[in-house]
Amino acid sequence: MTRFSVEGPTPLRGRLRVPGDKSISHRALMLAARAEGTSRVRGLSDGDDVLRTAAAMIAMGAVIDGEQITGGRLHEPGAVIDLGNSGTGIRLLAGLCAGLPWLSVLTGDESIARRPMDRIAAPLRQMGAAIDGRAGGRFTPLVIRGGDVHGVDYTPPVASAQVKSAVLLAGLAASGETVVREQVATRSHTEEMLKAAGADITLHRVGPGLVARLRPSRLHAFEIDVPGDPSQAAFWVVGACIIPGSDVVVENVYVGPGRAGFLDVLERMGADVALENHRGQVADIRARHSALSATVVSGPEIPSLVDEIPALAVAAMTAEGSTVFRDAAELRVKETDRVASITSELSALGARAEPLSDGLVIHGGKAASGGEVNSHGDHRIAMALAVAGLAGEGTTTIEGWEAVGTSYPAFAEHLASLTR
């Protein structure tokens, strides 16, 4: 395992662009591979997760030449497809494969082997796909015999954009209409990109939820500029908010529906954050140091910020009062049990953190004290610990830093650009 050290307190100052949004990148690759013709996708994430999805599409017959992706001629893969550490990649690809008339075998690393796959296996089986795996399809590797699927009317039991997307991707080739009813709307990238690629899809908001109706569709080639990833921007935004003397602008970040919830929480805490150069669903985010106060993060806002909770927990360390994260049981089944990892590693840096069954409590008012911590193989935990160390005193050393490569290989380089 590799180690990475930071010295604090170190102000962050300057402008930067984070990698292309990981969620959009996965979907762009899969939809371009499914579409007829050559699509142009600019600004893909350069993390290992997205590189694995690109390799999977090539293995299934897509041609990727720089920004150009030629699809429409997919075939049965000749070997097992390894998605590495990517939960999004493997769950969405399972949906795509369910609609294709051949055998696909999907696997991943040790972390993926512990993450639940029954949440997508169940609806895909309802659609007619044959899916097997360890523990009856609950865990990888997944063996998928696709094709001859039919539409369903499905309400996911948990708020999950991955489940919604898997069902919709299978629905492209289904007979009849596929309906997904979300009780709480999740990120809308799949629906937006399906529409842009010519899919016959309609969307209806129902209170806090969403109903998506998809008819069998052929996709055409499209062009997309992948905006910056808000989940990566969150680390720099939080760092600027909690480190005195900081002033950071993260350029060209996606701030559309279901992705900017962390900014609402920071504003509620009193953070000096603002959107500049706002154009559609993209904006520059400016963040400056400010005094923060505790808040409660719960309920319908959780799906819009669940990936940013590690960063928000670091903000809560320095806030006055006790910040509570509830209704976030999904944290337990991420790359690691993030409830356990956040509380144990922030506690090692001097925080007062308590785990809850569905979240955690951070008793604030104290900067990190420095020390040795562990990423637990989770990229977001690693980067959150680096930001905590920058805001604290002394040296913080993170074991397992290589995990950052799954989503943000240039994190250390960008850190150097903001601290020189």
Protein backbone atom coordinates (compact mmCIF):
# COMPACT_ATOMS: atom_id res chain seq x y z
CA MET A 1 0.00 0.00 0.00
CA THR A 2 1.16 3.53 -0.74
CA ARG A 3 1.24 6.37 1.77
CA PHE A 4 0.57 10.07 1.30
CA SER A 5 1.29 12.84 3.80
CA VAL A 6 0.00 16.38 4.18
CA GLU A 7 1.04 19.21 6.51
CA GLY A 8 -1.44 21.49 8.20
CA PRO A 9 -2.67 24.06 8.49
CA THR A 10 -2.13 24.82 4.80
CA PRO A 11 -4.37 27.38 3.02
CA LEU A 12 -5.76 26.52 -0.40
CA ARG A 13 -5.73 29.30 -2.98
CA GLY A 14 -6.28 29.35 -6.74
CA ARG A 15 -8.39 27.90 -9.54
CA LEU A 16 -8.58 24.36 -10.88
CA ARG A 17 -10.68 21.90 -12.83
CA VAL A 18 -11.53 18.54 -11.34
CA PRO A 19 -11.88 15.39 -13.48
CA GLY A 20 -14.96 14.86 -15.62
CA ASP A 21 -17.98 13.66 -13.72
CA LYS A 22 -17.63 9.94 -13.04
CA SER A 23 -21.36 9.18 -13.14
CA ILE A 24 -21.83 10.94 -16.49
CA SER A 25 -18.68 9.33 -17.90
CA HIS A 26 -19.88 5.78 -17.23
CA ARG A 27 -23.24 6.50 -18.85
CA ALA A 28 -21.74 8.31 -21.83
CA LEU A 29 -19.53 5.33 -22.64
CA MET A 30 -22.36 2.80 -22.38
CA LEU A 31 -24.90 4.83 -24.34
CA ALA A 32 -22.38 5.69 -27.07
CA ALA A 33 -21.53 2.00 -27.38
CA ARG A 34 -25.25 1.15 -27.65
CA ALA A 35 -25.98 3.95 -30.15
CA GLU A 36 -25.77 3.74 -33.95
CA GLY A 37 -22.93 5.77 -35.41
CA THR A 38 -20.04 7.69 -33.90
CA SER A 39 -20.54 9.80 -30.80
CA ARG A 40 -18.14 12.42 -29.50
CA VAL A 41 -17.52 12.48 -25.75
CA ARG A 42 -15.19 15.14 -24.42
CA GLY A 43 -13.80 15.39 -20.89
CA LEU A 44 -14.24 11.81 -19.64
CA SER A 45 -13.03 11.04 -16.11
CA ASP A 46 -9.50 9.63 -16.18
CA GLY A 47 -9.96 7.48 -13.06
CA ASP A 48 -9.59 3.71 -13.11
CA ASP A 49 -13.34 3.19 -12.60
CA VAL A 50 -14.17 4.84 -15.93
CA LEU A 51 -11.21 3.27 -17.72
CA ARG A 52 -12.68 -0.12 -16.73
CA THR A 53 -16.02 0.78 -18.27
CA ALA A 54 -14.27 1.91 -21.45
CA ALA A 55 -12.41 -1.41 -21.61
CA ALA A 56 -15.70 -3.27 -21.09
CA MET A 57 -17.30 -1.45 -24.03
CA ILE A 58 -14.31 -2.27 -26.24
CA ALA A 59 -14.57 -5.93 -25.19
CA MET A 60 -18.20 -5.86 -26.35
CA GLY A 61 -17.40 -4.39 -29.74
CA ALA A 62 -17.35 -0.60 -29.41
CA VAL A 63 -14.49 1.31 -31.03
CA ILE A 64 -13.00 4.09 -28.91
CA ASP A 65 -10.57 6.48 -30.58
CA GLY A 66 -9.86 9.43 -28.32
CA GLU A 67 -13.09 11.42 -28.04
CA GLN A 68 -14.84 9.35 -30.72
CA ILE A 69 -16.88 6.29 -29.75
CA THR A 70 -18.40 4.15 -32.49
CA GLY A 71 -21.14 1.84 -31.35
CA GLY A 72 -24.14 -0.08 -32.61
CA ARG A 73 -22.25 -3.32 -33.31
CA LEU A 74 -22.01 -4.90 -29.89
CA HIS A 75 -21.36 -8.61 -29.48
CA GLU A 76 -20.89 -11.22 -26.79
CA PRO A 77 -17.67 -10.52 -24.85
CA GLY A 78 -14.99 -13.17 -25.26
CA ALA A 79 -13.95 -13.17 -21.60
CA VAL A 80 -15.04 -12.18 -18.12
CA ILE A 81 -15.40 -8.40 -17.79
CA ASP A 82 -13.61 -6.99 -14.73
CA LEU A 83 -15.00 -3.64 -13.49
CA GLY A 84 -12.41 -3.28 -10.73
CA ASN A 85 -13.71 -1.10 -7.88
CA SER A 86 -16.62 0.43 -9.78
CA GLY A 87 -20.05 -0.16 -8.29
CA THR A 88 -21.63 2.17 -10.82
CA GLY A 89 -19.88 0.44 -13.69
CA ILE A 90 -20.90 -3.08 -12.77
CA ARG A 91 -24.52 -2.29 -11.84
CA LEU A 92 -25.23 -0.20 -14.93
CA LEU A 93 -23.47 -2.65 -17.21
CA ALA A 94 -25.59 -5.47 -15.75
CA GLY A 95 -28.67 -3.57 -16.91
CA LEU A 96 -27.23 -3.01 -20.38
CA CYS A 97 -26.25 -6.69 -20.70
CA ALA A 98 -29.69 -7.85 -19.54
CA GLY A 99 -31.15 -6.47 -22.76
CA LEU A 100 -28.57 -8.08 -25.05
CA PRO A 101 -29.07 -11.65 -26.39
CA TRP A 102 -25.94 -13.36 -25.09
CA LEU A 103 -23.99 -14.41 -22.01
CA SER A 104 -22.02 -11.84 -20.02
CA VAL A 105 -19.97 -12.46 -16.88
CA LEU A 106 -19.18 -9.40 -14.76
CA THR A 107 -16.83 -9.26 -11.81
CA GLY A 108 -14.76 -6.76 -9.78
CA ASP A 109 -12.25 -6.47 -6.97
CA GLU A 110 -12.52 -7.59 -3.33
CA SER A 111 -14.55 -4.50 -2.41
CA ILE A 112 -17.07 -5.13 -5.20
CA ALA A 113 -17.35 -8.75 -4.06
CA ARG A 114 -18.82 -7.48 -0.75
CA ARG A 115 -21.29 -5.01 -2.24
CA PRO A 116 -24.95 -6.00 -2.77
CA MET A 117 -25.98 -6.80 -6.34
CA ASP A 118 -29.42 -8.22 -5.58
CA ARG A 119 -30.85 -4.71 -5.76
CA ILE A 120 -30.33 -4.79 -9.53
CA ALA A 121 -30.63 -8.54 -10.02
CA ALA A 122 -34.20 -8.60 -8.66
CA PRO A 123 -35.79 -6.12 -11.14
CA LEU A 124 -33.73 -7.44 -14.07
CA ARG A 125 -35.03 -10.93 -13.34
CA GLN A 126 -38.55 -9.53 -13.27
CA MET A 127 -37.86 -8.26 -16.78
CA GLY A 128 -36.94 -11.78 -17.91
CA ALA A 129 -33.13 -11.80 -17.74
CA ALA A 130 -31.45 -14.84 -16.22
CA ILE A 131 -28.98 -13.64 -13.57
CA ASP A 132 -26.89 -15.72 -11.20
CA GLY A 133 -24.01 -15.09 -8.85
CA ARG A 134 -22.78 -15.95 -5.39
CA ALA A 135 -25.52 -16.24 -2.76
CA GLY A 136 -28.20 -16.48 -5.43
CA GLY A 137 -27.05 -13.42 -7.31
CA ARG A 138 -26.50 -11.24 -4.27
CA PHE A 139 -22.75 -10.95 -4.88
CA THR A 140 -20.33 -10.99 -7.82
CA PRO A 141 -19.38 -12.50 -10.12
CA LEU A 142 -22.66 -11.96 -11.98
CA VAL A 143 -23.57 -14.32 -14.81
CA ILE A 144 -26.17 -12.70 -17.09
CA ARG A 145 -28.07 -14.41 -19.89
CA GLY A 146 -29.79 -11.45 -21.56
CA GLY A 147 -32.26 -10.78 -24.32
CA ASP A 148 -35.99 -11.37 -24.64
CA VAL A 149 -36.76 -8.98 -21.77
CA HIS A 150 -40.08 -7.25 -21.21
CA GLY A 151 -41.06 -3.98 -19.57
CA VAL A 152 -41.92 -3.76 -15.87
CA ASP A 153 -43.43 -1.20 -13.53
CA TYR A 154 -40.84 -1.03 -10.78
CA THR A 155 -40.51 0.97 -7.57
CA PRO A 156 -36.99 0.65 -6.11
CA PRO A 157 -37.05 -0.13 -2.37
CA VAL A 158 -34.06 2.20 -1.82
CA ALA A 159 -33.26 5.50 -3.49
CA SER A 160 -30.62 4.48 -6.01
CA ALA A 161 -29.71 6.04 -9.34
CA GLN A 162 -27.80 2.84 -10.12
CA VAL A 163 -30.92 0.68 -9.77
CA LYS A 164 -33.01 3.12 -11.81
CA SER A 165 -30.35 3.24 -14.50
CA ALA A 166 -29.92 -0.54 -14.70
CA VAL A 167 -33.66 -1.01 -15.25
CA LEU A 168 -33.83 1.76 -17.87
CA LEU A 169 -30.81 0.45 -19.77
CA ALA A 170 -32.41 -3.00 -19.93
CA GLY A 171 -35.67 -1.33 -20.97
CA LEU A 172 -34.09 -0.03 -24.18
CA ALA A 173 -34.45 -3.55 -25.62
CA ALA A 174 -37.59 -4.63 -23.72
CA SER A 175 -40.96 -5.38 -25.21
CA GLY A 176 -43.51 -2.93 -23.87
CA GLU A 177 -43.06 0.05 -21.60
CA THR A 178 -40.59 0.14 -18.71
CA VAL A 179 -41.61 2.32 -15.76
CA VAL A 180 -39.43 3.27 -12.79
CA ARG A 181 -41.12 5.04 -9.89
CA GLU A 182 -38.74 6.79 -7.49
CA GLN A 183 -40.18 7.85 -4.15
CA VAL A 184 -37.24 10.25 -3.82
CA ALA A 185 -35.71 11.44 -7.09
CA THR A 186 -32.04 10.55 -7.56
CA ARG A 187 -29.48 12.00 -9.98
CA SER A 188 -31.02 12.25 -13.43
CA HIS A 189 -28.04 11.68 -15.73
CA THR A 190 -29.37 8.47 -17.29
CA GLU A 191 -32.74 9.96 -18.20
CA GLU A 192 -31.19 13.16 -19.57
CA MET A 193 -28.65 11.31 -21.68
CA LEU A 194 -31.18 8.76 -22.97
CA LYS A 195 -33.35 11.65 -24.17
CA ALA A 196 -30.34 13.32 -25.82
CA ALA A 197 -29.59 10.06 -27.65
CA GLY A 198 -33.12 9.81 -29.01
CA ALA A 199 -34.76 7.41 -26.58
CA ASP A 200 -38.56 7.48 -26.28
CA ILE A 201 -38.66 8.48 -22.61
CA THR A 202 -40.95 10.75 -20.59
CA LEU A 203 -40.42 12.03 -17.05
CA HIS A 204 -42.92 13.21 -14.47
CA ARG A 205 -42.18 14.69 -11.07
CA VAL A 206 -44.45 13.41 -8.29
CA GLY A 207 -43.77 15.34 -5.11
CA PRO A 208 -40.14 14.56 -4.14
CA GLY A 209 -40.16 11.58 -6.50
CA LEU A 210 -39.92 10.88 -10.20
CA VAL A 211 -41.67 8.56 -12.65
CA ALA A 212 -39.69 7.60 -15.76
CA ARG A 213 -41.47 5.85 -18.66
CA LEU A 214 -39.31 4.34 -21.38
CA ARG A 215 -40.49 2.68 -24.57
CA PRO A 216 -38.22 0.36 -26.64
CA SER A 217 -35.76 2.65 -28.39
CA ARG A 218 -32.90 2.78 -30.86
CA LEU A 219 -30.27 5.33 -29.92
CA HIS A 220 -28.44 7.68 -32.27
CA ALA A 221 -24.99 9.15 -31.92
CA PHE A 222 -24.61 12.22 -29.73
CA GLU A 223 -22.08 14.76 -28.51
CA ILE A 224 -21.41 15.65 -24.89
CA ASP A 225 -18.93 17.71 -22.92
CA VAL A 226 -18.60 15.98 -19.56
CA PRO A 227 -18.59 18.65 -16.83
CA GLY A 228 -16.47 18.53 -13.69
CA ASP A 229 -17.40 16.04 -10.98
CA PRO A 230 -19.14 17.72 -7.99
CA SER A 231 -18.16 14.81 -5.75
CA GLN A 232 -14.49 15.62 -6.40
CA ALA A 233 -15.05 19.37 -6.20
CA ALA A 234 -16.55 18.87 -2.73
CA PHE A 235 -13.13 18.13 -1.22
CA TRP A 236 -11.64 21.43 -2.38
CA VAL A 237 -14.79 23.36 -1.46
CA VAL A 238 -14.79 21.94 2.07
CA GLY A 239 -11.05 22.51 2.38
CA ALA A 240 -11.42 26.17 1.44
CA CYS A 241 -14.31 26.60 3.88
CA ILE A 242 -12.43 25.23 6.91
CA ILE A 243 -8.83 26.40 6.38
CA PRO A 244 -8.10 30.05 7.27
CA GLY A 245 -6.78 32.12 4.37
CA SER A 246 -8.29 29.90 1.69
CA ASP A 247 -10.01 31.09 -1.49
CA VAL A 248 -10.65 28.46 -4.19
CA VAL A 249 -12.58 28.42 -7.46
CA VAL A 250 -13.43 25.01 -8.93
CA GLU A 251 -14.34 25.56 -12.56
CA ASN A 252 -16.95 23.97 -14.81
CA VAL A 253 -18.68 21.74 -12.22
CA TYR A 254 -22.00 19.97 -12.76
CA VAL A 255 -24.53 21.49 -10.33
CA GLY A 256 -27.74 20.06 -11.81
CA PRO A 257 -30.52 18.15 -10.04
CA GLY A 258 -29.49 15.55 -7.52
CA ARG A 259 -25.82 16.51 -7.35
CA ALA A 260 -25.43 19.86 -5.58
CA GLY A 261 -26.96 18.94 -2.22
CA PHE A 262 -23.60 19.31 -0.45
CA LEU A 263 -23.59 23.02 -1.33
CA ASP A 264 -27.00 23.46 0.31
CA VAL A 265 -25.68 21.82 3.48
CA LEU A 266 -22.56 24.00 3.55
CA GLU A 267 -24.64 27.15 3.04
CA ARG A 268 -26.86 26.04 5.92
CA MET A 269 -23.72 25.70 8.04
CA GLY A 270 -22.74 29.30 7.21
CA ALA A 271 -20.14 28.59 4.53
CA ASP A 272 -19.02 31.30 2.12
CA VAL A 273 -19.78 29.43 -1.12
CA ALA A 274 -21.20 30.82 -4.33
CA LEU A 275 -21.87 29.77 -7.92
CA GLU A 276 -20.19 31.94 -10.54
CA ASN A 277 -20.39 31.89 -14.35
CA HIS A 278 -23.58 29.80 -14.04
CA ARG A 279 -24.66 28.33 -17.39
CA GLY A 280 -27.39 25.72 -17.44
CA GLN A 281 -26.41 22.83 -15.19
CA VAL A 282 -22.75 23.87 -15.02
CA ALA A 283 -21.07 26.56 -12.92
CA ASP A 284 -17.84 27.57 -11.22
CA ILE A 285 -17.92 27.09 -7.44
CA ARG A 286 -16.10 29.66 -5.30
CA ALA A 287 -15.40 28.85 -1.65
CA ARG A 288 -13.67 30.90 1.03
CA HIS A 289 -12.88 30.34 4.66
CA SER A 290 -15.78 30.94 7.02
CA ALA A 291 -17.00 30.00 10.48
CA LEU A 292 -19.33 27.00 10.36
CA SER A 293 -22.17 25.88 12.60
CA ALA A 294 -23.58 22.37 13.02
CA THR A 295 -26.64 21.12 11.17
CA VAL A 296 -28.74 18.00 10.65
CA VAL A 297 -28.48 16.21 7.31
CA SER A 298 -31.29 13.72 6.73
CA GLY A 299 -34.36 12.63 4.78
CA PRO A 300 -34.94 13.40 1.10
CA GLU A 301 -31.71 15.40 0.75
CA ILE A 302 -29.50 12.35 1.41
CA PRO A 303 -29.59 10.90 -2.15
CA SER A 304 -28.26 14.20 -3.53
CA LEU A 305 -25.17 14.17 -1.31
CA VAL A 306 -24.50 10.66 -0.03
CA ASP A 307 -21.13 10.51 -1.82
CA GLU A 308 -20.12 13.85 -0.30
CA ILE A 309 -20.75 12.83 3.33
CA PRO A 310 -17.06 11.97 3.93
CA ALA A 311 -16.14 15.54 2.93
CA LEU A 312 -19.04 17.04 4.89
CA ALA A 313 -17.98 15.07 7.96
CA VAL A 314 -14.62 16.87 7.79
CA ALA A 315 -16.44 20.21 7.62
CA ALA A 316 -18.46 19.14 10.67
CA MET A 317 -15.21 18.59 12.64
CA THR A 318 -14.54 22.33 12.69
CA ALA A 319 -18.17 23.49 13.02
CA GLU A 320 -19.59 24.68 16.32
CA GLY A 321 -22.00 22.11 17.73
CA SER A 322 -22.88 18.54 16.77
CA THR A 323 -23.69 17.69 13.16
CA VAL A 324 -25.95 14.67 12.62
CA PHE A 325 -26.15 12.56 9.45
CA ARG A 326 -29.23 10.30 9.39
CA ASP A 327 -31.14 8.19 6.86
CA ALA A 328 -27.83 7.35 5.21
CA ALA A 329 -27.65 3.57 5.72
CA GLU A 330 -26.36 3.37 2.13
CA LEU A 331 -23.00 4.48 3.56
CA ARG A 332 -22.67 0.99 5.04
CA VAL A 333 -22.45 -0.67 1.60
CA LYS A 334 -20.12 1.64 -0.31
CA GLU A 335 -16.47 0.84 -1.18
CA THR A 336 -16.13 0.32 2.55
CA ASP A 337 -18.51 0.70 5.48
CA ARG A 338 -18.16 4.47 5.40
CA VAL A 339 -19.91 4.96 8.73
CA ALA A 340 -17.26 2.83 10.42
CA SER A 341 -14.38 4.23 8.36
CA ILE A 342 -15.29 7.90 8.84
CA THR A 343 -15.81 7.58 12.58
CA SER A 344 -12.69 5.49 13.22
CA GLU A 345 -10.29 7.54 11.08
CA LEU A 346 -11.56 11.00 12.06
CA SER A 347 -11.42 9.86 15.70
CA ALA A 348 -7.78 8.91 15.11
CA LEU A 349 -7.22 12.56 14.14
CA GLY A 350 -8.82 13.82 17.34
CA ALA A 351 -12.45 14.21 16.26
CA ARG A 352 -15.35 13.23 18.48
CA ALA A 353 -17.34 11.01 16.17
CA GLU A 354 -20.09 8.51 16.92
CA PRO A 355 -21.57 5.91 14.54
CA LEU A 356 -25.32 5.49 14.12
CA SER A 357 -27.10 2.59 12.47
CA ASP A 358 -27.99 4.85 9.55
CA GLY A 359 -25.36 7.57 9.79
CA LEU A 360 -23.09 9.31 12.27
CA VAL A 361 -22.67 12.26 14.61
CA ILE A 362 -19.67 14.60 14.54
CA HIS A 363 -19.17 16.77 17.63
CA GLY A 364 -17.40 19.78 16.19
CA GLY A 365 -15.20 22.62 17.30
CA LYS A 366 -11.90 20.80 16.98
CA ALA A 367 -9.36 20.71 14.15
CA ALA A 368 -7.48 17.53 13.29
CA SER A 369 -4.43 16.77 15.38
CA GLY A 370 -2.42 14.90 12.78
CA GLY A 371 -1.40 11.26 12.88
CA GLU A 372 -1.53 8.06 10.86
CA VAL A 373 -4.84 6.97 9.30
CA ASN A 374 -6.06 4.45 6.72
CA SER A 375 -8.21 4.82 3.61
CA HIS A 376 -9.67 1.31 3.98
CA GLY A 377 -9.32 1.08 0.21
CA ASP A 378 -11.92 3.85 -0.29
CA HIS A 379 -11.02 6.81 -2.52
CA ARG A 380 -13.43 9.23 -0.82
CA ILE A 381 -12.19 8.34 2.66
CA ALA A 382 -8.60 8.90 1.52
CA MET A 383 -9.30 12.36 0.08
CA ALA A 384 -11.45 13.39 3.05
CA LEU A 385 -8.60 12.49 5.40
CA ALA A 386 -6.17 14.54 3.32
CA VAL A 387 -8.44 17.59 3.61
CA ALA A 388 -8.80 17.03 7.37
CA GLY A 389 -5.03 16.93 7.64
CA LEU A 390 -4.61 20.16 5.68
CA ALA A 391 -6.92 21.88 8.16
CA GLY A 392 -5.26 20.41 11.25
CA GLU A 393 -1.95 20.65 13.03
CA GLY A 394 1.17 18.69 12.16
CA THR A 395 1.55 15.82 9.71
CA THR A 396 -1.24 13.50 8.63
CA THR A 397 -0.22 10.33 6.79
CA ILE A 398 -2.83 8.30 4.89
CA GLU A 399 -2.14 4.61 4.31
CA GLY A 400 -3.71 3.08 1.20
CA TRP A 401 -3.50 6.24 -0.88
CA GLU A 402 -3.59 4.23 -4.12
CA ALA A 403 -7.39 4.04 -3.74
CA VAL A 404 -7.58 7.64 -4.99
CA GLY A 405 -6.63 6.39 -8.46
CA THR A 406 -10.12 4.95 -8.97
CA SER A 407 -11.60 8.43 -9.35
CA TYR A 408 -9.02 11.23 -9.04
CA PRO A 409 -5.45 10.25 -10.03
CA ALA A 410 -4.34 13.92 -10.16
CA PHE A 411 -5.50 14.80 -6.62
CA ALA A 412 -1.95 15.21 -5.25
CA GLU A 413 -0.93 17.28 -8.28
CA HIS A 414 -3.95 19.55 -7.88
CA LEU A 415 -3.25 19.90 -4.17
CA ALA A 416 0.27 21.07 -4.98
CA SER A 417 -1.14 23.67 -7.41
CA LEU A 418 -3.39 25.12 -4.68
CA THR A 419 -0.70 25.26 -2.00
CA ARG A 420 2.36 26.55 -3.83
